[in-house]
Amino acid sequence: MERLTPQEEQLMLAVWKVGEGHVKAFMDHLDKPAPYTTVASTIKNLEKKGYVSGKLFGNTYVYKPVITIGEYKKKFMGNVVKNYFSNSYKELVNFFVDQKKVSAQELKDILKLIESGKRK
């Protein structure tokens, strides 16, 4: 899975929200507006990278995601932990604690999730 640029990632988030659609449908779900030609070019890049597939219906291309957001998160987070936190999830959590991005209550909740082995 090839790494996405920030612009590609933003568009991919819109694709996951919409599911299957055309460029204009994805544009409605972007956090930051972008010109049609930019979005169309970016979606073609995503297709080349294997993140979306497109089919021509009449004179309009319709695209859909090839990978799920869960698959992307798994790959992306695995790379972040590996490359920035010495492959240690403990170091990742410590980073967020140091940055005051996670509270003591949230850590307790995380611990409960780990101990129960269930997803929230």
PDB file of N, CA and C in Angstrom:
ATOM      1  N   MET A   1       0.847  -1.171   0.000  1.00  0.00           N
ATOM      2  CA  MET A   1       0.000   0.000   0.000  1.00  0.00           C
ATOM      3  C   MET A   1       0.894   1.236   0.000  1.00  0.00           C
ATOM      4  N   GLU A   2       0.774   2.036  -1.022  1.00  0.00           N
ATOM      5  CA  GLU A   2       1.600   3.230  -1.162  1.00  0.00           C
ATOM      6  C   GLU A   2       1.063   4.358  -0.272  1.00  0.00           C
ATOM      7  N   ARG A   3       1.978   5.102   0.300  1.00  0.00           N
ATOM      8  CA  ARG A   3       1.612   6.198   1.210  1.00  0.00           C
ATOM      9  C   ARG A   3       0.855   7.287   0.453  1.00  0.00           C
ATOM     10  N   LEU A   4      -0.121   7.886   1.125  1.00  0.00           N
ATOM     11  CA  LEU A   4      -0.923   8.950   0.523  1.00  0.00           C
ATOM     12  C   LEU A   4      -0.397  10.319   0.936  1.00  0.00           C
ATOM     13  N   THR A   5      -0.523  11.276   0.023  1.00  0.00           N
ATOM     14  CA  THR A   5      -0.234  12.663   0.350  1.00  0.00           C
ATOM     15  C   THR A   5      -1.390  13.183   1.204  1.00  0.00           C
ATOM     16  N   PRO A   6      -1.203  14.295   1.919  1.00  0.00           N
ATOM     17  CA  PRO A   6      -2.324  14.847   2.698  1.00  0.00           C
ATOM     18  C   PRO A   6      -3.566  15.122   1.838  1.00  0.00           C
ATOM     19  N   GLN A   7      -3.362  15.619   0.628  1.00  0.00           N
ATOM     20  CA  GLN A   7      -4.485  15.902  -0.276  1.00  0.00           C
ATOM     21  C   GLN A   7      -5.191  14.605  -0.690  1.00  0.00           C
ATOM     22  N   GLU A   8      -4.417  13.569  -0.985  1.00  0.00           N
ATOM     23  CA  GLU A   8      -5.003  12.279  -1.340  1.00  0.00           C
ATOM     24  C   GLU A   8      -5.752  11.673  -0.164  1.00  0.00           C
ATOM     25  N   GLU A   9      -5.187  11.811   1.030  1.00  0.00           N
ATOM     26  CA  GLU A   9      -5.835  11.264   2.223  1.00  0.00           C
ATOM     27  C   GLU A   9      -7.163  11.967   2.492  1.00  0.00           C
ATOM     28  N   GLN A  10      -7.185  13.282   2.342  1.00  0.00           N
ATOM     29  CA  GLN A  10      -8.423  14.033   2.539  1.00  0.00           C
ATOM     30  C   GLN A  10      -9.488  13.551   1.553  1.00  0.00           C
ATOM     31  N   LEU A  11      -9.110  13.356   0.300  1.00  0.00           N
ATOM     32  CA  LEU A  11     -10.064  12.882  -0.703  1.00  0.00           C
ATOM     33  C   LEU A  11     -10.494  11.453  -0.403  1.00  0.00           C
ATOM     34  N   MET A  12      -9.569  10.624   0.051  1.00  0.00           N
ATOM     35  CA  MET A  12      -9.912   9.243   0.376  1.00  0.00           C
ATOM     36  C   MET A  12     -10.935   9.194   1.505  1.00  0.00           C
ATOM     37  N   LEU A  13     -10.815  10.087   2.486  1.00  0.00           N
ATOM     38  CA  LEU A  13     -11.811  10.162   3.562  1.00  0.00           C
ATOM     39  C   LEU A  13     -13.194  10.479   2.992  1.00  0.00           C
ATOM     40  N   ALA A  14     -13.239  11.372   1.997  1.00  0.00           N
ATOM     41  CA  ALA A  14     -14.511  11.695   1.338  1.00  0.00           C
ATOM     42  C   ALA A  14     -15.038  10.479   0.575  1.00  0.00           C
ATOM     43  N   VAL A  15     -14.157   9.747  -0.091  1.00  0.00           N
ATOM     44  CA  VAL A  15     -14.568   8.544  -0.829  1.00  0.00           C
ATOM     45  C   VAL A  15     -15.163   7.524   0.137  1.00  0.00           C
ATOM     46  N   TRP A  16     -14.521   7.317   1.276  1.00  0.00           N
ATOM     47  CA  TRP A  16     -15.052   6.364   2.251  1.00  0.00           C
ATOM     48  C   TRP A  16     -16.425   6.807   2.763  1.00  0.00           C
ATOM     49  N   LYS A  17     -16.631   8.113   2.955  1.00  0.00           N
ATOM     50  CA  LYS A  17     -17.926   8.617   3.412  1.00  0.00           C
ATOM     51  C   LYS A  17     -19.016   8.362   2.368  1.00  0.00           C
ATOM     52  N   VAL A  18     -18.698   8.656   1.111  1.00  0.00           N
ATOM     53  CA  VAL A  18     -19.681   8.545   0.030  1.00  0.00           C
ATOM     54  C   VAL A  18     -19.892   7.088  -0.372  1.00  0.00           C
ATOM     55  N   GLY A  19     -18.810   6.345  -0.393  1.00  0.00           N
ATOM     56  CA  GLY A  19     -18.868   4.954  -0.865  1.00  0.00           C
ATOM     57  C   GLY A  19     -18.564   4.912  -2.343  1.00  0.00           C
ATOM     58  N   GLU A  20     -19.587   4.960  -3.154  1.00  0.00           N
ATOM     59  CA  GLU A  20     -19.403   4.958  -4.606  1.00  0.00           C
ATOM     60  C   GLU A  20     -19.981   6.253  -5.150  1.00  0.00           C
ATOM     61  N   GLY A  21     -19.224   6.927  -6.012  1.00  0.00           N
ATOM     62  CA  GLY A  21     -19.722   8.189  -6.540  1.00  0.00           C
ATOM     63  C   GLY A  21     -18.804   8.799  -7.571  1.00  0.00           C
ATOM     64  N   HIS A  22     -19.205   9.964  -8.021  1.00  0.00           N
ATOM     65  CA  HIS A  22     -18.421  10.708  -9.013  1.00  0.00           C
ATOM     66  C   HIS A  22     -17.677  11.839  -8.309  1.00  0.00           C
ATOM     67  N   VAL A  23     -16.823  12.495  -9.047  1.00  0.00           N
ATOM     68  CA  VAL A  23     -15.942  13.521  -8.470  1.00  0.00           C
ATOM     69  C   VAL A  23     -16.732  14.581  -7.694  1.00  0.00           C
ATOM     70  N   LYS A  24     -17.817  15.078  -8.275  1.00  0.00           N
ATOM     71  CA  LYS A  24     -18.589  16.140  -7.588  1.00  0.00           C
ATOM     72  C   LYS A  24     -19.174  15.650  -6.263  1.00  0.00           C
ATOM     73  N   ALA A  25     -19.567  14.397  -6.200  1.00  0.00           N
ATOM     74  CA  ALA A  25     -20.095  13.857  -4.937  1.00  0.00           C
ATOM     75  C   ALA A  25     -19.020  13.869  -3.859  1.00  0.00           C
ATOM     76  N   PHE A  26     -17.792  13.555  -4.244  1.00  0.00           N
ATOM     77  CA  PHE A  26     -16.691  13.560  -3.282  1.00  0.00           C
ATOM     78  C   PHE A  26     -16.349  14.986  -2.860  1.00  0.00           C
ATOM     79  N   MET A  27     -16.455  15.916  -3.794  1.00  0.00           N
ATOM     80  CA  MET A  27     -16.129  17.314  -3.497  1.00  0.00           C
ATOM     81  C   MET A  27     -17.012  17.864  -2.376  1.00  0.00           C
ATOM     82  N   ASP A  28     -18.252  17.409  -2.309  1.00  0.00           N
ATOM     83  CA  ASP A  28     -19.182  17.885  -1.282  1.00  0.00           C
ATOM     84  C   ASP A  28     -18.775  17.441   0.117  1.00  0.00           C
ATOM     85  N   HIS A  29     -17.879  16.455   0.217  1.00  0.00           N
ATOM     86  CA  HIS A  29     -17.487  15.915   1.518  1.00  0.00           C
ATOM     87  C   HIS A  29     -16.041  16.252   1.900  1.00  0.00           C
ATOM     88  N   LEU A  30     -15.431  17.165   1.183  1.00  0.00           N
ATOM     89  CA  LEU A  30     -14.061  17.589   1.505  1.00  0.00           C
ATOM     90  C   LEU A  30     -14.095  18.650   2.598  1.00  0.00           C
ATOM     91  N   ASP A  31     -13.153  18.578   3.532  1.00  0.00           N
ATOM     92  CA  ASP A  31     -13.049  19.595   4.582  1.00  0.00           C
ATOM     93  C   ASP A  31     -12.641  20.941   3.996  1.00  0.00           C
ATOM     94  N   LYS A  32     -11.731  20.886   3.031  1.00  0.00           N
ATOM     95  CA  LYS A  32     -11.259  22.104   2.385  1.00  0.00           C
ATOM     96  C   LYS A  32     -11.655  22.046   0.912  1.00  0.00           C
ATOM     97  N   PRO A  33     -12.391  23.043   0.422  1.00  0.00           N
ATOM     98  CA  PRO A  33     -12.807  23.029  -0.979  1.00  0.00           C
ATOM     99  C   PRO A  33     -11.599  23.007  -1.920  1.00  0.00           C
ATOM    100  N   ALA A  34     -11.764  22.333  -3.035  1.00  0.00           N
ATOM    101  CA  ALA A  34     -10.708  22.262  -4.046  1.00  0.00           C
ATOM    102  C   ALA A  34     -11.363  22.324  -5.425  1.00  0.00           C
ATOM    103  N   PRO A  35     -10.647  22.838  -6.419  1.00  0.00           N
ATOM    104  CA  PRO A  35     -11.208  22.895  -7.769  1.00  0.00           C
ATOM    105  C   PRO A  35     -11.493  21.493  -8.321  1.00  0.00           C
ATOM    106  N   TYR A  36     -12.494  21.400  -9.180  1.00  0.00           N
ATOM    107  CA  TYR A  36     -12.881  20.124  -9.782  1.00  0.00           C
ATOM    108  C   TYR A  36     -11.687  19.428 -10.422  1.00  0.00           C
ATOM    109  N   THR A  37     -10.888  20.178 -11.185  1.00  0.00           N
ATOM    110  CA  THR A  37      -9.759  19.567 -11.892  1.00  0.00           C
ATOM    111  C   THR A  37      -8.738  18.976 -10.922  1.00  0.00           C
ATOM    112  N   THR A  38      -8.539  19.631  -9.791  1.00  0.00           N
ATOM    113  CA  THR A  38      -7.612  19.123  -8.779  1.00  0.00           C
ATOM    114  C   THR A  38      -8.133  17.821  -8.187  1.00  0.00           C
ATOM    115  N   VAL A  39      -9.421  17.793  -7.855  1.00  0.00           N
ATOM    116  CA  VAL A  39     -10.019  16.591  -7.278  1.00  0.00           C
ATOM    117  C   VAL A  39      -9.997  15.455  -8.311  1.00  0.00           C
ATOM    118  N   ALA A  40     -10.315  15.762  -9.555  1.00  0.00           N
ATOM    119  CA  ALA A  40     -10.306  14.735 -10.610  1.00  0.00           C
ATOM    120  C   ALA A  40      -8.902  14.169 -10.799  1.00  0.00           C
ATOM    121  N   SER A  41      -7.906  15.016 -10.768  1.00  0.00           N
ATOM    122  CA  SER A  41      -6.518  14.574 -10.898  1.00  0.00           C
ATOM    123  C   SER A  41      -6.103  13.720  -9.702  1.00  0.00           C
ATOM    124  N   THR A  42      -6.514  14.141  -8.514  1.00  0.00           N
ATOM    125  CA  THR A  42      -6.175  13.407  -7.302  1.00  0.00           C
ATOM    126  C   THR A  42      -6.842  12.038  -7.287  1.00  0.00           C
ATOM    127  N   ILE A  43      -8.080  11.950  -7.750  1.00  0.00           N
ATOM    128  CA  ILE A  43      -8.771  10.658  -7.764  1.00  0.00           C
ATOM    129  C   ILE A  43      -8.093   9.709  -8.748  1.00  0.00           C
ATOM    130  N   LYS A  44      -7.573  10.242  -9.835  1.00  0.00           N
ATOM    131  CA  LYS A  44      -6.820   9.415 -10.802  1.00  0.00           C
ATOM    132  C   LYS A  44      -5.536   8.889 -10.151  1.00  0.00           C
ATOM    133  N   ASN A  45      -4.885   9.717  -9.335  1.00  0.00           N
ATOM    134  CA  ASN A  45      -3.700   9.261  -8.606  1.00  0.00           C
ATOM    135  C   ASN A  45      -4.059   8.141  -7.633  1.00  0.00           C
ATOM    136  N   LEU A  46      -5.196   8.295  -6.955  1.00  0.00           N
ATOM    137  CA  LEU A  46      -5.649   7.253  -6.024  1.00  0.00           C
ATOM    138  C   LEU A  46      -5.946   5.952  -6.771  1.00  0.00           C
ATOM    139  N   GLU A  47      -6.453   6.083  -7.977  1.00  0.00           N
ATOM    140  CA  GLU A  47      -6.723   4.892  -8.790  1.00  0.00           C
ATOM    141  C   GLU A  47      -5.410   4.211  -9.174  1.00  0.00           C
ATOM    142  N   LYS A  48      -4.423   4.995  -9.575  1.00  0.00           N
ATOM    143  CA  LYS A  48      -3.105   4.438  -9.929  1.00  0.00           C
ATOM    144  C   LYS A  48      -2.446   3.747  -8.738  1.00  0.00           C
ATOM    145  N   LYS A  49      -2.660   4.294  -7.543  1.00  0.00           N
ATOM    146  CA  LYS A  49      -2.066   3.720  -6.338  1.00  0.00           C
ATOM    147  C   LYS A  49      -2.854   2.524  -5.822  1.00  0.00           C
ATOM    148  N   GLY A  50      -4.018   2.250  -6.409  1.00  0.00           N
ATOM    149  CA  GLY A  50      -4.800   1.087  -6.026  1.00  0.00           C
ATOM    150  C   GLY A  50      -5.759   1.302  -4.872  1.00  0.00           C
ATOM    151  N   TYR A  51      -6.078   2.537  -4.552  1.00  0.00           N
ATOM    152  CA  TYR A  51      -6.999   2.831  -3.460  1.00  0.00           C
ATOM    153  C   TYR A  51      -8.452   2.874  -3.918  1.00  0.00           C
ATOM    154  N   VAL A  52      -8.688   3.263  -5.165  1.00  0.00           N
ATOM    155  CA  VAL A  52     -10.041   3.313  -5.720  1.00  0.00           C
ATOM    156  C   VAL A  52     -10.038   2.652  -7.094  1.00  0.00           C
ATOM    157  N   SER A  53     -11.216   2.253  -7.514  1.00  0.00           N
ATOM    158  CA  SER A  53     -11.377   1.773  -8.886  1.00  0.00           C
ATOM    159  C   SER A  53     -12.454   2.624  -9.534  1.00  0.00           C
ATOM    160  N   GLY A  54     -12.320   2.828 -10.823  1.00  0.00           N
ATOM    161  CA  GLY A  54     -13.282   3.661 -11.536  1.00  0.00           C
ATOM    162  C   GLY A  54     -13.847   2.948 -12.756  1.00  0.00           C
ATOM    163  N   LYS A  55     -15.118   3.253 -13.045  1.00  0.00           N
ATOM    164  CA  LYS A  55     -15.789   2.722 -14.228  1.00  0.00           C
ATOM    165  C   LYS A  55     -16.481   3.879 -14.937  1.00  0.00           C
ATOM    166  N   LEU A  56     -16.458   3.813 -16.241  1.00  0.00           N
ATOM    167  CA  LEU A  56     -17.120   4.839 -17.045  1.00  0.00           C
ATOM    168  C   LEU A  56     -18.573   4.443 -17.270  1.00  0.00           C
ATOM    169  N   PHE A  57     -19.491   5.322 -16.864  1.00  0.00           N
ATOM    170  CA  PHE A  57     -20.916   5.148 -17.120  1.00  0.00           C
ATOM    171  C   PHE A  57     -21.362   6.342 -17.949  1.00  0.00           C
ATOM    172  N   GLY A  58     -21.638   6.103 -19.224  1.00  0.00           N
ATOM    173  CA  GLY A  58     -21.947   7.214 -20.130  1.00  0.00           C
ATOM    174  C   GLY A  58     -20.702   8.056 -20.308  1.00  0.00           C
ATOM    175  N   ASN A  59     -20.784   9.300 -19.865  1.00  0.00           N
ATOM    176  CA  ASN A  59     -19.599  10.167 -19.944  1.00  0.00           C
ATOM    177  C   ASN A  59     -19.076  10.556 -18.562  1.00  0.00           C
ATOM    178  N   THR A  60     -19.472   9.790 -17.557  1.00  0.00           N
ATOM    179  CA  THR A  60     -19.051  10.087 -16.177  1.00  0.00           C
ATOM    180  C   THR A  60     -18.357   8.875 -15.569  1.00  0.00           C
ATOM    181  N   TYR A  61     -17.224   9.135 -14.940  1.00  0.00           N
ATOM    182  CA  TYR A  61     -16.540   8.079 -14.186  1.00  0.00           C
ATOM    183  C   TYR A  61     -17.134   7.999 -12.780  1.00  0.00           C
ATOM    184  N   VAL A  62     -17.374   6.780 -12.349  1.00  0.00           N
ATOM    185  CA  VAL A  62     -17.847   6.519 -10.997  1.00  0.00           C
ATOM    186  C   VAL A  62     -16.758   5.713 -10.299  1.00  0.00           C
ATOM    187  N   TYR A  63     -16.392   6.167  -9.113  1.00  0.00           N
ATOM    188  CA  TYR A  63     -15.301   5.554  -8.360  1.00  0.00           C
ATOM    189  C   TYR A  63     -15.822   4.947  -7.071  1.00  0.00           C
ATOM    190  N   LYS A  64     -15.124   3.917  -6.605  1.00  0.00           N
ATOM    191  CA  LYS A  64     -15.438   3.319  -5.306  1.00  0.00           C
ATOM    192  C   LYS A  64     -14.136   2.893  -4.648  1.00  0.00           C
ATOM    193  N   PRO A  65     -14.125   2.848  -3.323  1.00  0.00           N
ATOM    194  CA  PRO A  65     -12.900   2.455  -2.625  1.00  0.00           C
ATOM    195  C   PRO A  65     -12.585   0.979  -2.860  1.00  0.00           C
ATOM    196  N   VAL A  66     -11.305   0.682  -2.978  1.00  0.00           N
ATOM    197  CA  VAL A  66     -10.842  -0.698  -3.120  1.00  0.00           C
ATOM    198  C   VAL A  66     -10.459  -1.261  -1.757  1.00  0.00           C
ATOM    199  N   ILE A  67      -9.976  -0.391  -0.887  1.00  0.00           N
ATOM    200  CA  ILE A  67      -9.618  -0.814   0.470  1.00  0.00           C
ATOM    201  C   ILE A  67     -10.547  -0.128   1.465  1.00  0.00           C
ATOM    202  N   THR A  68     -10.717  -0.736   2.611  1.00  0.00           N
ATOM    203  CA  THR A  68     -11.564  -0.140   3.648  1.00  0.00           C
ATOM    204  C   THR A  68     -10.754   0.847   4.475  1.00  0.00           C
ATOM    205  N   ILE A  69     -11.474   1.692   5.175  1.00  0.00           N
ATOM    206  CA  ILE A  69     -10.798   2.630   6.066  1.00  0.00           C
ATOM    207  C   ILE A  69     -10.081   1.868   7.186  1.00  0.00           C
ATOM    208  N   GLY A  70     -10.635   0.743   7.596  1.00  0.00           N
ATOM    209  CA  GLY A  70      -9.995  -0.080   8.623  1.00  0.00           C
ATOM    210  C   GLY A  70      -8.653  -0.624   8.158  1.00  0.00           C
ATOM    211  N   GLU A  71      -8.594  -1.081   6.904  1.00  0.00           N
ATOM    212  CA  GLU A  71      -7.329  -1.583   6.354  1.00  0.00           C
ATOM    213  C   GLU A  71      -6.296  -0.466   6.291  1.00  0.00           C
ATOM    214  N   TYR A  72      -6.744   0.732   5.899  1.00  0.00           N
ATOM    215  CA  TYR A  72      -5.827   1.866   5.815  1.00  0.00           C
ATOM    216  C   TYR A  72      -5.318   2.262   7.199  1.00  0.00           C
ATOM    217  N   LYS A  73      -6.215   2.329   8.166  1.00  0.00           N
ATOM    218  CA  LYS A  73      -5.809   2.691   9.537  1.00  0.00           C
ATOM    219  C   LYS A  73      -4.775   1.704  10.064  1.00  0.00           C
ATOM    220  N   LYS A  74      -5.024   0.424   9.845  1.00  0.00           N
ATOM    221  CA  LYS A  74      -4.106  -0.611  10.338  1.00  0.00           C
ATOM    222  C   LYS A  74      -2.714  -0.418   9.747  1.00  0.00           C
ATOM    223  N   LYS A  75      -2.647  -0.222   8.448  1.00  0.00           N
ATOM    224  CA  LYS A  75      -1.365  -0.039   7.770  1.00  0.00           C
ATOM    225  C   LYS A  75      -0.700   1.274   8.209  1.00  0.00           C
ATOM    226  N   PHE A  76      -1.486   2.354   8.208  1.00  0.00           N
ATOM    227  CA  PHE A  76      -0.955   3.669   8.537  1.00  0.00           C
ATOM    228  C   PHE A  76      -0.453   3.715   9.975  1.00  0.00           C
ATOM    229  N   MET A  77      -1.261   3.256  10.916  1.00  0.00           N
ATOM    230  CA  MET A  77      -0.863   3.304  12.318  1.00  0.00           C
ATOM    231  C   MET A  77       0.324   2.377  12.584  1.00  0.00           C
ATOM    232  N   GLY A  78       0.337   1.231  11.924  1.00  0.00           N
ATOM    233  CA  GLY A  78       1.478   0.326  12.070  1.00  0.00           C
ATOM    234  C   GLY A  78       2.773   0.998  11.642  1.00  0.00           C
ATOM    235  N   ASN A  79       2.706   1.740  10.531  1.00  0.00           N
ATOM    236  CA  ASN A  79       3.893   2.456  10.047  1.00  0.00           C
ATOM    237  C   ASN A  79       4.286   3.592  10.982  1.00  0.00           C
ATOM    238  N   VAL A  80       3.314   4.302  11.526  1.00  0.00           N
ATOM    239  CA  VAL A  80       3.615   5.400  12.456  1.00  0.00           C
ATOM    240  C   VAL A  80       4.322   4.853  13.690  1.00  0.00           C
ATOM    241  N   VAL A  81       3.768   3.785  14.256  1.00  0.00           N
ATOM    242  CA  VAL A  81       4.372   3.198  15.461  1.00  0.00           C
ATOM    243  C   VAL A  81       5.769   2.683  15.151  1.00  0.00           C
ATOM    244  N   LYS A  82       5.916   2.007  14.024  1.00  0.00           N
ATOM    245  CA  LYS A  82       7.213   1.451  13.634  1.00  0.00           C
ATOM    246  C   LYS A  82       8.249   2.552  13.397  1.00  0.00           C
ATOM    247  N   ASN A  83       7.867   3.578  12.629  1.00  0.00           N
ATOM    248  CA  ASN A  83       8.830   4.588  12.199  1.00  0.00           C
ATOM    249  C   ASN A  83       9.098   5.692  13.219  1.00  0.00           C
ATOM    250  N   TYR A  84       8.134   5.990  14.073  1.00  0.00           N
ATOM    251  CA  TYR A  84       8.289   7.133  14.973  1.00  0.00           C
ATOM    252  C   TYR A  84       8.351   6.762  16.455  1.00  0.00           C
ATOM    253  N   PHE A  85       7.960   5.529  16.800  1.00  0.00           N
ATOM    254  CA  PHE A  85       7.895   5.150  18.208  1.00  0.00           C
ATOM    255  C   PHE A  85       8.603   3.828  18.482  1.00  0.00           C
ATOM    256  N   SER A  86       9.645   3.536  17.713  1.00  0.00           N
ATOM    257  CA  SER A  86      10.472   2.341  17.915  1.00  0.00           C
ATOM    258  C   SER A  86       9.639   1.065  18.014  1.00  0.00           C
ATOM    259  N   ASN A  87       8.560   1.025  17.223  1.00  0.00           N
ATOM    260  CA  ASN A  87       7.670  -0.130  17.173  1.00  0.00           C
ATOM    261  C   ASN A  87       7.050  -0.441  18.536  1.00  0.00           C
ATOM    262  N   SER A  88       6.843   0.600  19.355  1.00  0.00           N
ATOM    263  CA  SER A  88       6.314   0.432  20.706  1.00  0.00           C
ATOM    264  C   SER A  88       5.032   1.242  20.881  1.00  0.00           C
ATOM    265  N   TYR A  89       3.923   0.548  21.114  1.00  0.00           N
ATOM    266  CA  TYR A  89       2.665   1.237  21.374  1.00  0.00           C
ATOM    267  C   TYR A  89       2.720   1.959  22.722  1.00  0.00           C
ATOM    268  N   LYS A  90       3.518   1.446  23.628  1.00  0.00           N
ATOM    269  CA  LYS A  90       3.713   2.112  24.912  1.00  0.00           C
ATOM    270  C   LYS A  90       4.324   3.502  24.692  1.00  0.00           C
ATOM    271  N   GLU A  91       5.313   3.579  23.795  1.00  0.00           N
ATOM    272  CA  GLU A  91       5.926   4.872  23.479  1.00  0.00           C
ATOM    273  C   GLU A  91       4.915   5.818  22.825  1.00  0.00           C
ATOM    274  N   LEU A  92       4.041   5.265  22.008  1.00  0.00           N
ATOM    275  CA  LEU A  92       2.999   6.068  21.371  1.00  0.00           C
ATOM    276  C   LEU A  92       2.077   6.673  22.431  1.00  0.00           C
ATOM    277  N   VAL A  93       1.610   5.848  23.365  1.00  0.00           N
ATOM    278  CA  VAL A  93       0.735   6.332  24.434  1.00  0.00           C
ATOM    279  C   VAL A  93       1.475   7.351  25.294  1.00  0.00           C
ATOM    280  N   ASN A  94       2.732   7.076  25.593  1.00  0.00           N
ATOM    281  CA  ASN A  94       3.544   8.000  26.388  1.00  0.00           C
ATOM    282  C   ASN A  94       3.657   9.360  25.701  1.00  0.00           C
ATOM    283  N   PHE A  95       3.802   9.345  24.389  1.00  0.00           N
ATOM    284  CA  PHE A  95       3.875  10.587  23.618  1.00  0.00           C
ATOM    285  C   PHE A  95       2.604  11.417  23.834  1.00  0.00           C
ATOM    286  N   PHE A  96       1.449  10.755  23.736  1.00  0.00           N
ATOM    287  CA  PHE A  96       0.191  11.474  23.911  1.00  0.00           C
ATOM    288  C   PHE A  96      -0.003  11.947  25.349  1.00  0.00           C
ATOM    289  N   VAL A  97       0.476  11.200  26.297  1.00  0.00           N
ATOM    290  CA  VAL A  97       0.416  11.627  27.697  1.00  0.00           C
ATOM    291  C   VAL A  97       1.290  12.871  27.872  1.00  0.00           C
ATOM    292  N   ASP A  98       2.525  12.825  27.348  1.00  0.00           N
ATOM    293  CA  ASP A  98       3.436  13.969  27.452  1.00  0.00           C
ATOM    294  C   ASP A  98       2.864  15.219  26.787  1.00  0.00           C
ATOM    295  N   GLN A  99       2.156  15.022  25.689  1.00  0.00           N
ATOM    296  CA  GLN A  99       1.570  16.147  24.948  1.00  0.00           C
ATOM    297  C   GLN A  99       0.236  16.609  25.547  1.00  0.00           C
ATOM    298  N   LYS A 100      -0.166  15.940  26.625  1.00  0.00           N
ATOM    299  CA  LYS A 100      -1.440  16.234  27.285  1.00  0.00           C
ATOM    300  C   LYS A 100      -2.619  16.082  26.320  1.00  0.00           C
ATOM    301  N   LYS A 101      -2.544  15.042  25.490  1.00  0.00           N
ATOM    302  CA  LYS A 101      -3.596  14.741  24.522  1.00  0.00           C
ATOM    303  C   LYS A 101      -4.511  13.625  25.002  1.00  0.00           C
ATOM    304  N   VAL A 102      -4.137  12.986  26.106  1.00  0.00           N
ATOM    305  CA  VAL A 102      -4.944  11.916  26.664  1.00  0.00           C
ATOM    306  C   VAL A 102      -5.010  12.112  28.175  1.00  0.00           C
ATOM    307  N   SER A 103      -6.210  11.973  28.718  1.00  0.00           N
ATOM    308  CA  SER A 103      -6.398  12.205  30.162  1.00  0.00           C
ATOM    309  C   SER A 103      -6.227  10.903  30.939  1.00  0.00           C
ATOM    310  N   ALA A 104      -6.137  11.047  32.249  1.00  0.00           N
ATOM    311  CA  ALA A 104      -6.036   9.874  33.120  1.00  0.00           C
ATOM    312  C   ALA A 104      -7.282   9.000  32.967  1.00  0.00           C
ATOM    313  N   GLN A 105      -8.449   9.631  32.850  1.00  0.00           N
ATOM    314  CA  GLN A 105      -9.689   8.857  32.680  1.00  0.00           C
ATOM    315  C   GLN A 105      -9.675   8.094  31.356  1.00  0.00           C
ATOM    316  N   GLU A 106      -9.189   8.735  30.314  1.00  0.00           N
ATOM    317  CA  GLU A 106      -9.108   8.040  29.022  1.00  0.00           C
ATOM    318  C   GLU A 106      -8.152   6.855  29.102  1.00  0.00           C
ATOM    319  N   LEU A 107      -7.049   7.016  29.828  1.00  0.00           N
ATOM    320  CA  LEU A 107      -6.113   5.903  30.014  1.00  0.00           C
ATOM    321  C   LEU A 107      -6.772   4.762  30.783  1.00  0.00           C
ATOM    322  N   LYS A 108      -7.565   5.103  31.790  1.00  0.00           N
ATOM    323  CA  LYS A 108      -8.293   4.067  32.529  1.00  0.00           C
ATOM    324  C   LYS A 108      -9.267   3.336  31.597  1.00  0.00           C
ATOM    325  N   ASP A 109      -9.954   4.106  30.746  1.00  0.00           N
ATOM    326  CA  ASP A 109     -10.885   3.499  29.794  1.00  0.00           C
ATOM    327  C   ASP A 109     -10.157   2.581  28.809  1.00  0.00           C
ATOM    328  N   ILE A 110      -8.988   3.023  28.367  1.00  0.00           N
ATOM    329  CA  ILE A 110      -8.169   2.210  27.451  1.00  0.00           C
ATOM    330  C   ILE A 110      -7.749   0.923  28.140  1.00  0.00           C
ATOM    331  N   LEU A 111      -7.328   1.034  29.381  1.00  0.00           N
ATOM    332  CA  LEU A 111      -6.924  -0.151  30.138  1.00  0.00           C
ATOM    333  C   LEU A 111      -8.087  -1.135  30.279  1.00  0.00           C
ATOM    334  N   LYS A 112      -9.288  -0.620  30.566  1.00  0.00           N
ATOM    335  CA  LYS A 112     -10.467  -1.473  30.670  1.00  0.00           C
ATOM    336  C   LYS A 112     -10.730  -2.190  29.336  1.00  0.00           C
ATOM    337  N   LEU A 113     -10.575  -1.466  28.237  1.00  0.00           N
ATOM    338  CA  LEU A 113     -10.769  -2.086  26.922  1.00  0.00           C
ATOM    339  C   LEU A 113      -9.766  -3.217  26.687  1.00  0.00           C
ATOM    340  N   ILE A 114      -8.522  -2.960  27.053  1.00  0.00           N
ATOM    341  CA  ILE A 114      -7.470  -3.971  26.874  1.00  0.00           C
ATOM    342  C   ILE A 114      -7.766  -5.190  27.731  1.00  0.00           C
ATOM    343  N   GLU A 115      -8.121  -4.938  28.983  1.00  0.00           N
ATOM    344  CA  GLU A 115      -8.373  -6.041  29.903  1.00  0.00           C
ATOM    345  C   GLU A 115      -9.593  -6.868  29.519  1.00  0.00           C
ATOM    346  N   SER A 116     -10.594  -6.212  28.963  1.00  0.00           N
ATOM    347  CA  SER A 116     -11.806  -6.943  28.572  1.00  0.00           C
ATOM    348  C   SER A 116     -11.651  -7.596  27.199  1.00  0.00           C
ATOM    349  N   GLY A 117     -10.702  -7.101  26.431  1.00  0.00           N
ATOM    350  CA  GLY A 117     -10.484  -7.654  25.088  1.00  0.00           C
ATOM    351  C   GLY A 117     -11.590  -7.294  24.120  1.00  0.00           C
ATOM    352  N   LYS A 118     -12.380  -6.290  24.453  1.00  0.00           N
ATOM    353  CA  LYS A 118     -13.503  -5.884  23.609  1.00  0.00           C
ATOM    354  C   LYS A 118     -13.234  -4.524  23.004  1.00  0.00           C
ATOM    355  N   ARG A 119     -13.866  -4.313  21.867  1.00  0.00           N
ATOM    356  CA  ARG A 119     -13.821  -3.005  21.210  1.00  0.00           C
ATOM    357  C   ARG A 119     -14.954  -2.158  21.716  1.00  0.00           C
ATOM    358  N   LYS A 120     -14.741  -0.871  21.717  1.00  0.00           N
ATOM    359  CA  LYS A 120     -15.803   0.064  22.142  1.00  0.00           C
ATOM    360  C   LYS A 120     -16.530   0.586  20.925  1.00  0.00           C
TER     361      LYS A 120
END
